[in-house]
PDB file of all heavy atoms in Angstrom:
ATOM      1  N   PHE A   1       1.798   8.520  -2.514  1.00  0.00           N
ATOM      2  CA  PHE A   1       2.191   9.442  -1.458  1.00  0.00           C
ATOM      3  C   PHE A   1       0.992  10.295  -1.011  1.00  0.00           C
ATOM      4  O   PHE A   1       0.999  11.525  -1.145  1.00  0.00           O
ATOM      5  CB  PHE A   1       3.351  10.338  -1.903  1.00  0.00           C
ATOM      6  CG  PHE A   1       4.634   9.600  -2.097  1.00  0.00           C
ATOM      7  CD1 PHE A   1       5.180   9.438  -3.364  1.00  0.00           C
ATOM      8  CD2 PHE A   1       5.298   9.043  -1.016  1.00  0.00           C
ATOM      9  CE1 PHE A   1       6.361   8.736  -3.548  1.00  0.00           C
ATOM     10  CE2 PHE A   1       6.489   8.347  -1.194  1.00  0.00           C
ATOM     11  CZ  PHE A   1       7.015   8.189  -2.463  1.00  0.00           C
ATOM     12  N   PRO A   2      -0.051   9.661  -0.499  1.00  0.00           N
ATOM     13  CA  PRO A   2      -1.221  10.428  -0.044  1.00  0.00           C
ATOM     14  C   PRO A   2      -0.852  11.357   1.098  1.00  0.00           C
ATOM     15  O   PRO A   2       0.053  11.074   1.893  1.00  0.00           O
ATOM     16  CB  PRO A   2      -2.193   9.336   0.417  1.00  0.00           C
ATOM     17  CG  PRO A   2      -1.328   8.163   0.745  1.00  0.00           C
ATOM     18  CD  PRO A   2      -0.183   8.215  -0.219  1.00  0.00           C
ATOM     19  N   THR A   3      -1.547  12.476   1.176  1.00  0.00           N
ATOM     20  CA  THR A   3      -1.319  13.415   2.268  1.00  0.00           C
ATOM     21  C   THR A   3      -1.911  12.850   3.560  1.00  0.00           C
ATOM     22  O   THR A   3      -2.654  11.863   3.548  1.00  0.00           O
ATOM     23  CB  THR A   3      -1.969  14.770   1.964  1.00  0.00           C
ATOM     24  OG1 THR A   3      -3.393  14.584   1.859  1.00  0.00           O
ATOM     25  CG2 THR A   3      -1.440  15.344   0.650  1.00  0.00           C
ATOM     26  N   VAL A   4      -1.576  13.507   4.664  1.00  0.00           N
ATOM     27  CA  VAL A   4      -2.116  13.087   5.959  1.00  0.00           C
ATOM     28  C   VAL A   4      -3.639  13.149   5.936  1.00  0.00           C
ATOM     29  O   VAL A   4      -4.333  12.274   6.464  1.00  0.00           O
ATOM     30  CB  VAL A   4      -1.546  13.972   7.086  1.00  0.00           C
ATOM     31  CG1 VAL A   4      -2.222  13.662   8.415  1.00  0.00           C
ATOM     32  CG2 VAL A   4      -0.037  13.783   7.190  1.00  0.00           C
ATOM     33  N   GLU A   5      -4.190  14.177   5.299  1.00  0.00           N
ATOM     34  CA  GLU A   5      -5.645  14.317   5.203  1.00  0.00           C
ATOM     35  C   GLU A   5      -6.252  13.196   4.362  1.00  0.00           C
ATOM     36  O   GLU A   5      -7.293  12.636   4.712  1.00  0.00           O
ATOM     37  CB  GLU A   5      -5.981  15.682   4.598  1.00  0.00           C
ATOM     38  CG  GLU A   5      -7.468  15.981   4.550  1.00  0.00           C
ATOM     39  CD  GLU A   5      -7.767  17.364   3.998  1.00  0.00           C
ATOM     40  OE1 GLU A   5      -6.825  18.174   3.866  1.00  0.00           O
ATOM     41  OE2 GLU A   5      -8.941  17.637   3.702  1.00  0.00           O
ATOM     42  N   GLN A   6      -5.608  12.843   3.265  1.00  0.00           N
ATOM     43  CA  GLN A   6      -6.108  11.748   2.427  1.00  0.00           C
ATOM     44  C   GLN A   6      -6.027  10.408   3.147  1.00  0.00           C
ATOM     45  O   GLN A   6      -6.909   9.558   3.000  1.00  0.00           O
ATOM     46  CB  GLN A   6      -5.311  11.689   1.123  1.00  0.00           C
ATOM     47  CG  GLN A   6      -5.628  12.803   0.148  1.00  0.00           C
ATOM     48  CD  GLN A   6      -4.718  12.783  -1.067  1.00  0.00           C
ATOM     49  OE1 GLN A   6      -3.511  12.572  -0.952  1.00  0.00           O
ATOM     50  NE2 GLN A   6      -5.291  13.004  -2.244  1.00  0.00           N
ATOM     51  N   MET A   7      -4.981  10.226   3.952  1.00  0.00           N
ATOM     52  CA  MET A   7      -4.835   8.961   4.669  1.00  0.00           C
ATOM     53  C   MET A   7      -5.957   8.752   5.688  1.00  0.00           C
ATOM     54  O   MET A   7      -6.300   7.621   6.023  1.00  0.00           O
ATOM     55  CB  MET A   7      -3.483   8.900   5.379  1.00  0.00           C
ATOM     56  CG  MET A   7      -2.317   8.542   4.470  1.00  0.00           C
ATOM     57  SD  MET A   7      -2.579   6.997   3.569  1.00  0.00           S
ATOM     58  CE  MET A   7      -2.853   5.854   4.904  1.00  0.00           C
ATOM     59  N   ALA A   8      -6.534   9.845   6.183  1.00  0.00           N
ATOM     60  CA  ALA A   8      -7.641   9.722   7.128  1.00  0.00           C
ATOM     61  C   ALA A   8      -8.864   9.091   6.468  1.00  0.00           C
ATOM     62  O   ALA A   8      -9.719   8.521   7.150  1.00  0.00           O
ATOM     63  CB  ALA A   8      -7.992  11.090   7.698  1.00  0.00           C
ATOM     64  N   GLU A   9      -8.955   9.180   5.136  1.00  0.00           N
ATOM     65  CA  GLU A   9     -10.088   8.616   4.395  1.00  0.00           C
ATOM     66  C   GLU A   9      -9.711   7.349   3.630  1.00  0.00           C
ATOM     67  O   GLU A   9     -10.570   6.713   3.025  1.00  0.00           O
ATOM     68  CB  GLU A   9     -10.626   9.650   3.399  1.00  0.00           C
ATOM     69  CG  GLU A   9     -11.025  10.980   4.034  1.00  0.00           C
ATOM     70  CD  GLU A   9     -11.395  12.021   2.990  1.00  0.00           C
ATOM     71  OE1 GLU A   9     -11.372  11.682   1.791  1.00  0.00           O
ATOM     72  OE2 GLU A   9     -11.707  13.163   3.372  1.00  0.00           O
ATOM     73  N   SER A  10      -8.447   6.992   3.657  1.00  0.00           N
ATOM     74  CA  SER A  10      -7.964   5.888   2.828  1.00  0.00           C
ATOM     75  C   SER A  10      -8.347   4.529   3.395  1.00  0.00           C
ATOM     76  O   SER A  10      -8.335   4.313   4.611  1.00  0.00           O
ATOM     77  CB  SER A  10      -6.438   5.965   2.686  1.00  0.00           C
ATOM     78  OG  SER A  10      -5.946   4.895   1.910  1.00  0.00           O
ATOM     79  N   GLU A  11      -8.678   3.595   2.497  1.00  0.00           N
ATOM     80  CA  GLU A  11      -8.968   2.211   2.870  1.00  0.00           C
ATOM     81  C   GLU A  11      -7.702   1.370   2.958  1.00  0.00           C
ATOM     82  O   GLU A  11      -7.757   0.217   3.379  1.00  0.00           O
ATOM     83  CB  GLU A  11      -9.910   1.583   1.821  1.00  0.00           C
ATOM     84  CG  GLU A  11     -11.287   2.196   1.748  1.00  0.00           C
ATOM     85  CD  GLU A  11     -12.152   1.810   2.929  1.00  0.00           C
ATOM     86  OE1 GLU A  11     -12.308   0.605   3.184  1.00  0.00           O
ATOM     87  OE2 GLU A  11     -12.645   2.715   3.618  1.00  0.00           O
ATOM     88  N   LEU A  12      -6.560   1.951   2.560  1.00  0.00           N
ATOM     89  CA  LEU A  12      -5.304   1.206   2.491  1.00  0.00           C
ATOM     90  C   LEU A  12      -4.147   2.092   2.906  1.00  0.00           C
ATOM     91  O   LEU A  12      -4.091   3.269   2.542  1.00  0.00           O
ATOM     92  CB  LEU A  12      -5.083   0.706   1.050  1.00  0.00           C
ATOM     93  CG  LEU A  12      -3.750   0.007   0.727  1.00  0.00           C
ATOM     94  CD1 LEU A  12      -3.661  -1.324   1.458  1.00  0.00           C
ATOM     95  CD2 LEU A  12      -3.610  -0.200  -0.783  1.00  0.00           C
ATOM     96  N   ASP A  13      -3.243   1.538   3.699  1.00  0.00           N
ATOM     97  CA  ASP A  13      -1.981   2.197   4.035  1.00  0.00           C
ATOM     98  C   ASP A  13      -0.874   1.205   3.697  1.00  0.00           C
ATOM     99  O   ASP A  13      -0.541   0.334   4.491  1.00  0.00           O
ATOM    100  CB  ASP A  13      -1.950   2.578   5.509  1.00  0.00           C
ATOM    101  CG  ASP A  13      -0.648   3.276   5.895  1.00  0.00           C
ATOM    102  OD1 ASP A  13       0.151   3.590   4.997  1.00  0.00           O
ATOM    103  OD2 ASP A  13      -0.434   3.520   7.109  1.00  0.00           O
ATOM    104  N   LEU A  14      -0.313   1.349   2.507  1.00  0.00           N
ATOM    105  CA  LEU A  14       0.667   0.390   1.993  1.00  0.00           C
ATOM    106  C   LEU A  14       2.008   1.079   1.780  1.00  0.00           C
ATOM    107  O   LEU A  14       2.100   2.052   1.031  1.00  0.00           O
ATOM    108  CB  LEU A  14       0.172  -0.211   0.671  1.00  0.00           C
ATOM    109  CG  LEU A  14       1.135  -1.146  -0.057  1.00  0.00           C
ATOM    110  CD1 LEU A  14       1.400  -2.398   0.762  1.00  0.00           C
ATOM    111  CD2 LEU A  14       0.601  -1.524  -1.433  1.00  0.00           C
ATOM    112  N   VAL A  15       3.036   0.590   2.461  1.00  0.00           N
ATOM    113  CA  VAL A  15       4.405   1.065   2.256  1.00  0.00           C
ATOM    114  C   VAL A  15       5.200  -0.073   1.644  1.00  0.00           C
ATOM    115  O   VAL A  15       5.175  -1.197   2.159  1.00  0.00           O
ATOM    116  CB  VAL A  15       5.049   1.511   3.587  1.00  0.00           C
ATOM    117  CG1 VAL A  15       6.512   1.880   3.370  1.00  0.00           C
ATOM    118  CG2 VAL A  15       4.290   2.691   4.175  1.00  0.00           C
ATOM    119  N   LEU A  16       5.881   0.198   0.537  1.00  0.00           N
ATOM    120  CA  LEU A  16       6.725  -0.825  -0.072  1.00  0.00           C
ATOM    121  C   LEU A  16       8.049  -0.219  -0.494  1.00  0.00           C
ATOM    122  O   LEU A  16       8.148   0.980  -0.757  1.00  0.00           O
ATOM    123  CB  LEU A  16       6.043  -1.486  -1.263  1.00  0.00           C
ATOM    124  CG  LEU A  16       5.780  -0.653  -2.516  1.00  0.00           C
ATOM    125  CD1 LEU A  16       5.829  -1.548  -3.757  1.00  0.00           C
ATOM    126  CD2 LEU A  16       4.403   0.002  -2.447  1.00  0.00           C
ATOM    127  N   ALA A  17       9.066  -1.053  -0.491  1.00  0.00           N
ATOM    128  CA  ALA A  17      10.402  -0.642  -0.905  1.00  0.00           C
ATOM    129  C   ALA A  17      10.902  -1.634  -1.935  1.00  0.00           C
ATOM    130  O   ALA A  17      10.550  -2.820  -1.907  1.00  0.00           O
ATOM    131  CB  ALA A  17      11.351  -0.589   0.287  1.00  0.00           C
ATOM    132  N   GLY A  18      11.729  -1.148  -2.852  1.00  0.00           N
ATOM    133  CA  GLY A  18      12.251  -2.040  -3.876  1.00  0.00           C
ATOM    134  C   GLY A  18      13.306  -1.380  -4.729  1.00  0.00           C
ATOM    135  O   GLY A  18      13.591  -0.184  -4.595  1.00  0.00           O
ATOM    136  N   SER A  19      13.867  -2.180  -5.597  1.00  0.00           N
ATOM    137  CA  SER A  19      14.845  -1.691  -6.567  1.00  0.00           C
ATOM    138  C   SER A  19      14.127  -1.458  -7.893  1.00  0.00           C
ATOM    139  O   SER A  19      12.908  -1.602  -7.986  1.00  0.00           O
ATOM    140  CB  SER A  19      15.964  -2.716  -6.739  1.00  0.00           C
ATOM    141  OG  SER A  19      15.429  -3.927  -7.268  1.00  0.00           O
ATOM    142  N   LYS A  20      14.897  -1.153  -8.910  1.00  0.00           N
ATOM    143  CA  LYS A  20      14.275  -0.965 -10.226  1.00  0.00           C
ATOM    144  C   LYS A  20      13.714  -2.262 -10.782  1.00  0.00           C
ATOM    145  O   LYS A  20      12.812  -2.259 -11.613  1.00  0.00           O
ATOM    146  CB  LYS A  20      15.302  -0.368 -11.200  1.00  0.00           C
ATOM    147  CG  LYS A  20      15.594   1.096 -10.940  1.00  0.00           C
ATOM    148  CD  LYS A  20      16.565   1.680 -11.943  1.00  0.00           C
ATOM    149  CE  LYS A  20      17.993   1.291 -11.630  1.00  0.00           C
ATOM    150  NZ  LYS A  20      18.969   2.030 -12.472  1.00  0.00           N
ATOM    151  N   GLU A  21      14.221  -3.396 -10.296  1.00  0.00           N
ATOM    152  CA  GLU A  21      13.804  -4.684 -10.848  1.00  0.00           C
ATOM    153  C   GLU A  21      12.753  -5.411 -10.010  1.00  0.00           C
ATOM    154  O   GLU A  21      11.953  -6.165 -10.555  1.00  0.00           O
ATOM    155  CB  GLU A  21      15.020  -5.615 -11.003  1.00  0.00           C
ATOM    156  CG  GLU A  21      16.041  -5.165 -12.031  1.00  0.00           C
ATOM    157  CD  GLU A  21      16.949  -4.058 -11.500  1.00  0.00           C
ATOM    158  OE1 GLU A  21      17.083  -3.958 -10.256  1.00  0.00           O
ATOM    159  OE2 GLU A  21      17.493  -3.288 -12.319  1.00  0.00           O
ATOM    160  N   SER A  22      12.743  -5.219  -8.695  1.00  0.00           N
ATOM    161  CA  SER A  22      11.900  -6.084  -7.860  1.00  0.00           C
ATOM    162  C   SER A  22      11.496  -5.399  -6.565  1.00  0.00           C
ATOM    163  O   SER A  22      11.980  -4.313  -6.230  1.00  0.00           O
ATOM    164  CB  SER A  22      12.644  -7.386  -7.549  1.00  0.00           C
ATOM    165  OG  SER A  22      13.882  -7.113  -6.914  1.00  0.00           O
ATOM    166  N   VAL A  23      10.605  -6.078  -5.833  1.00  0.00           N
ATOM    167  CA  VAL A  23      10.116  -5.596  -4.539  1.00  0.00           C
ATOM    168  C   VAL A  23      10.944  -6.239  -3.429  1.00  0.00           C
ATOM    169  O   VAL A  23      11.202  -7.441  -3.441  1.00  0.00           O
ATOM    170  CB  VAL A  23       8.626  -5.946  -4.356  1.00  0.00           C
ATOM    171  CG1 VAL A  23       8.152  -5.581  -2.951  1.00  0.00           C
ATOM    172  CG2 VAL A  23       7.781  -5.231  -5.408  1.00  0.00           C
ATOM    173  N   LEU A  24      11.348  -5.430  -2.445  1.00  0.00           N
ATOM    174  CA  LEU A  24      12.202  -5.896  -1.349  1.00  0.00           C
ATOM    175  C   LEU A  24      11.486  -5.980  -0.009  1.00  0.00           C
ATOM    176  O   LEU A  24      11.802  -6.821   0.823  1.00  0.00           O
ATOM    177  CB  LEU A  24      13.392  -4.950  -1.194  1.00  0.00           C
ATOM    178  CG  LEU A  24      14.662  -5.302  -1.954  1.00  0.00           C
ATOM    179  CD1 LEU A  24      15.563  -4.095  -2.046  1.00  0.00           C
ATOM    180  CD2 LEU A  24      15.393  -6.433  -1.244  1.00  0.00           C
ATOM    181  N   MET A  25      10.548  -5.079   0.221  1.00  0.00           N
ATOM    182  CA  MET A  25       9.882  -5.008   1.516  1.00  0.00           C
ATOM    183  C   MET A  25       8.469  -4.484   1.329  1.00  0.00           C
ATOM    184  O   MET A  25       8.224  -3.604   0.503  1.00  0.00           O
ATOM    185  CB  MET A  25      10.661  -4.081   2.456  1.00  0.00           C
ATOM    186  CG  MET A  25      10.188  -4.044   3.901  1.00  0.00           C
ATOM    187  SD  MET A  25       8.762  -2.969   4.199  1.00  0.00           S
ATOM    188  CE  MET A  25       9.388  -1.366   3.734  1.00  0.00           C
ATOM    189  N   ILE A  26       7.532  -5.064   2.099  1.00  0.00           N
ATOM    190  CA  ILE A  26       6.136  -4.617   2.082  1.00  0.00           C
ATOM    191  C   ILE A  26       5.653  -4.507   3.515  1.00  0.00           C
ATOM    192  O   ILE A  26       5.926  -5.369   4.343  1.00  0.00           O
ATOM    193  CB  ILE A  26       5.224  -5.606   1.327  1.00  0.00           C
ATOM    194  CG1 ILE A  26       5.687  -5.805  -0.123  1.00  0.00           C
ATOM    195  CG2 ILE A  26       3.773  -5.136   1.353  1.00  0.00           C
ATOM    196  CD1 ILE A  26       4.964  -6.929  -0.840  1.00  0.00           C
ATOM    197  N   GLU A  27       4.938  -3.457   3.805  1.00  0.00           N
ATOM    198  CA  GLU A  27       4.202  -3.367   5.065  1.00  0.00           C
ATOM    199  C   GLU A  27       2.931  -2.581   4.784  1.00  0.00           C
ATOM    200  O   GLU A  27       2.985  -1.394   4.432  1.00  0.00           O
ATOM    201  CB  GLU A  27       5.016  -2.682   6.162  1.00  0.00           C
ATOM    202  CG  GLU A  27       4.244  -2.600   7.459  1.00  0.00           C
ATOM    203  CD  GLU A  27       5.125  -2.769   8.697  1.00  0.00           C
ATOM    204  OE1 GLU A  27       6.180  -3.417   8.595  1.00  0.00           O
ATOM    205  OE2 GLU A  27       4.744  -2.266   9.737  1.00  0.00           O
ATOM    206  N   GLY A  28       1.795  -3.255   4.904  1.00  0.00           N
ATOM    207  CA  GLY A  28       0.549  -2.596   4.557  1.00  0.00           C
ATOM    208  C   GLY A  28      -0.604  -3.061   5.406  1.00  0.00           C
ATOM    209  O   GLY A  28      -0.614  -4.189   5.915  1.00  0.00           O
ATOM    210  N   PHE A  29      -1.589  -2.172   5.534  1.00  0.00           N
ATOM    211  CA  PHE A  29      -2.782  -2.473   6.313  1.00  0.00           C
ATOM    212  C   PHE A  29      -3.985  -1.898   5.575  1.00  0.00           C
ATOM    213  O   PHE A  29      -3.915  -0.786   5.047  1.00  0.00           O
ATOM    214  CB  PHE A  29      -2.672  -1.877   7.716  1.00  0.00           C
ATOM    215  CG  PHE A  29      -1.428  -2.305   8.439  1.00  0.00           C
ATOM    216  CD1 PHE A  29      -0.281  -1.532   8.403  1.00  0.00           C
ATOM    217  CD2 PHE A  29      -1.393  -3.512   9.121  1.00  0.00           C
ATOM    218  CE1 PHE A  29       0.875  -1.931   9.038  1.00  0.00           C
ATOM    219  CE2 PHE A  29      -0.232  -3.928   9.760  1.00  0.00           C
ATOM    220  CZ  PHE A  29       0.897  -3.135   9.719  1.00  0.00           C
ATOM    221  N   GLY A  30      -5.054  -2.675   5.539  1.00  0.00           N
ATOM    222  CA  GLY A  30      -6.218  -2.219   4.798  1.00  0.00           C
ATOM    223  C   GLY A  30      -7.509  -2.782   5.344  1.00  0.00           C
ATOM    224  O   GLY A  30      -7.519  -3.668   6.204  1.00  0.00           O
ATOM    225  N   ASN A  31      -8.594  -2.260   4.821  1.00  0.00           N
ATOM    226  CA  ASN A  31      -9.922  -2.678   5.243  1.00  0.00           C
ATOM    227  C   ASN A  31     -10.380  -3.852   4.387  1.00  0.00           C
ATOM    228  O   ASN A  31     -11.182  -3.705   3.476  1.00  0.00           O
ATOM    229  CB  ASN A  31     -10.893  -1.500   5.146  1.00  0.00           C
ATOM    230  CG  ASN A  31     -12.250  -1.822   5.748  1.00  0.00           C
ATOM    231  OD1 ASN A  31     -12.412  -2.830   6.435  1.00  0.00           O
ATOM    232  ND2 ASN A  31     -13.229  -0.980   5.478  1.00  0.00           N
ATOM    233  N   GLN A  32      -9.802  -5.036   4.658  1.00  0.00           N
ATOM    234  CA  GLN A  32     -10.157  -6.283   3.982  1.00  0.00           C
ATOM    235  C   GLN A  32     -10.033  -6.127   2.451  1.00  0.00           C
ATOM    236  O   GLN A  32     -10.997  -6.236   1.711  1.00  0.00           O
ATOM    237  CB  GLN A  32     -11.571  -6.717   4.382  1.00  0.00           C
ATOM    238  CG  GLN A  32     -11.730  -6.881   5.886  1.00  0.00           C
ATOM    239  CD  GLN A  32     -13.120  -7.290   6.310  1.00  0.00           C
ATOM    240  OE1 GLN A  32     -13.473  -8.461   6.199  1.00  0.00           O
ATOM    241  NE2 GLN A  32     -13.905  -6.353   6.789  1.00  0.00           N
ATOM    242  N   ILE A  33      -8.795  -5.865   2.024  1.00  0.00           N
ATOM    243  CA  ILE A  33      -8.489  -5.627   0.612  1.00  0.00           C
ATOM    244  C   ILE A  33      -8.347  -6.959  -0.115  1.00  0.00           C
ATOM    245  O   ILE A  33      -7.544  -7.813   0.303  1.00  0.00           O
ATOM    246  CB  ILE A  33      -7.178  -4.815   0.472  1.00  0.00           C
ATOM    247  CG1 ILE A  33      -7.257  -3.521   1.286  1.00  0.00           C
ATOM    248  CG2 ILE A  33      -6.886  -4.530  -0.991  1.00  0.00           C
ATOM    249  CD1 ILE A  33      -8.293  -2.548   0.843  1.00  0.00           C
ATOM    250  N   PRO A  34      -9.063  -7.193  -1.221  1.00  0.00           N
ATOM    251  CA  PRO A  34      -8.896  -8.439  -1.985  1.00  0.00           C
ATOM    252  C   PRO A  34      -7.467  -8.596  -2.493  1.00  0.00           C
ATOM    253  O   PRO A  34      -6.772  -7.604  -2.763  1.00  0.00           O
ATOM    254  CB  PRO A  34      -9.887  -8.274  -3.144  1.00  0.00           C
ATOM    255  CG  PRO A  34     -10.886  -7.275  -2.662  1.00  0.00           C
ATOM    256  CD  PRO A  34     -10.127  -6.338  -1.767  1.00  0.00           C
ATOM    257  N   GLU A  35      -7.033  -9.839  -2.627  1.00  0.00           N
ATOM    258  CA  GLU A  35      -5.651 -10.121  -3.039  1.00  0.00           C
ATOM    259  C   GLU A  35      -5.302  -9.479  -4.372  1.00  0.00           C
ATOM    260  O   GLU A  35      -4.208  -8.914  -4.534  1.00  0.00           O
ATOM    261  CB  GLU A  35      -5.427 -11.631  -3.113  1.00  0.00           C
ATOM    262  CG  GLU A  35      -5.107 -12.305  -1.801  1.00  0.00           C
ATOM    263  CD  GLU A  35      -6.308 -12.469  -0.884  1.00  0.00           C
ATOM    264  OE1 GLU A  35      -7.440 -12.172  -1.340  1.00  0.00           O
ATOM    265  OE2 GLU A  35      -6.137 -12.882   0.272  1.00  0.00           O
ATOM    266  N   GLU A  36      -6.210  -9.552  -5.334  1.00  0.00           N
ATOM    267  CA  GLU A  36      -5.926  -8.993  -6.660  1.00  0.00           C
ATOM    268  C   GLU A  36      -5.708  -7.489  -6.577  1.00  0.00           C
ATOM    269  O   GLU A  36      -4.803  -6.936  -7.219  1.00  0.00           O
ATOM    270  CB  GLU A  36      -7.084  -9.315  -7.611  1.00  0.00           C
ATOM    271  CG  GLU A  36      -6.885  -8.826  -9.035  1.00  0.00           C
ATOM    272  CD  GLU A  36      -5.666  -9.442  -9.714  1.00  0.00           C
ATOM    273  OE1 GLU A  36      -5.359 -10.625  -9.435  1.00  0.00           O
ATOM    274  OE2 GLU A  36      -5.012  -8.746 -10.512  1.00  0.00           O
ATOM    275  N   GLN A  37      -6.521  -6.811  -5.778  1.00  0.00           N
ATOM    276  CA  GLN A  37      -6.372  -5.365  -5.612  1.00  0.00           C
ATOM    277  C   GLN A  37      -5.070  -5.022  -4.895  1.00  0.00           C
ATOM    278  O   GLN A  37      -4.429  -4.006  -5.207  1.00  0.00           O
ATOM    279  CB  GLN A  37      -7.570  -4.808  -4.850  1.00  0.00           C
ATOM    280  CG  GLN A  37      -7.671  -3.286  -4.872  1.00  0.00           C
ATOM    281  CD  GLN A  37      -8.953  -2.780  -4.250  1.00  0.00           C
ATOM    282  OE1 GLN A  37      -9.497  -3.393  -3.332  1.00  0.00           O
ATOM    283  NE2 GLN A  37      -9.456  -1.661  -4.741  1.00  0.00           N
ATOM    284  N   MET A  38      -4.650  -5.873  -3.960  1.00  0.00           N
ATOM    285  CA  MET A  38      -3.386  -5.648  -3.258  1.00  0.00           C
ATOM    286  C   MET A  38      -2.210  -5.753  -4.229  1.00  0.00           C
ATOM    287  O   MET A  38      -1.272  -4.938  -4.172  1.00  0.00           O
ATOM    288  CB  MET A  38      -3.225  -6.643  -2.116  1.00  0.00           C
ATOM    289  CG  MET A  38      -1.982  -6.424  -1.261  1.00  0.00           C
ATOM    290  SD  MET A  38      -1.982  -4.858  -0.359  1.00  0.00           S
ATOM    291  CE  MET A  38      -3.072  -5.270   1.008  1.00  0.00           C
ATOM    292  N   VAL A  39      -2.250  -6.734  -5.117  1.00  0.00           N
ATOM    293  CA  VAL A  39      -1.181  -6.873  -6.112  1.00  0.00           C
ATOM    294  C   VAL A  39      -1.148  -5.640  -7.022  1.00  0.00           C
ATOM    295  O   VAL A  39      -0.076  -5.115  -7.349  1.00  0.00           O
ATOM    296  CB  VAL A  39      -1.369  -8.159  -6.939  1.00  0.00           C
ATOM    297  CG1 VAL A  39      -0.339  -8.213  -8.071  1.00  0.00           C
ATOM    298  CG2 VAL A  39      -1.233  -9.395  -6.058  1.00  0.00           C
ATOM    299  N   GLU A  40      -2.315  -5.159  -7.436  1.00  0.00           N
ATOM    300  CA  GLU A  40      -2.382  -3.963  -8.280  1.00  0.00           C
ATOM    301  C   GLU A  40      -1.765  -2.760  -7.558  1.00  0.00           C
ATOM    302  O   GLU A  40      -1.058  -1.950  -8.170  1.00  0.00           O
ATOM    303  CB  GLU A  40      -3.833  -3.664  -8.649  1.00  0.00           C
ATOM    304  CG  GLU A  40      -4.455  -4.676  -9.600  1.00  0.00           C
ATOM    305  CD  GLU A  40      -5.941  -4.409  -9.831  1.00  0.00           C
ATOM    306  OE1 GLU A  40      -6.443  -3.384  -9.314  1.00  0.00           O
ATOM    307  OE2 GLU A  40      -6.593  -5.216 -10.520  1.00  0.00           O
TER     308      GLU A  40
END
């Protein structure tokens, strides 16, 4: 939950939704983020 000020410097803007068991929705944008880092 980065602040608006932190988002201005962030290399990634990732929003995800899910339950306690799994991921349901992803929407993210980044500056050429490697796949492994995206999973993390």
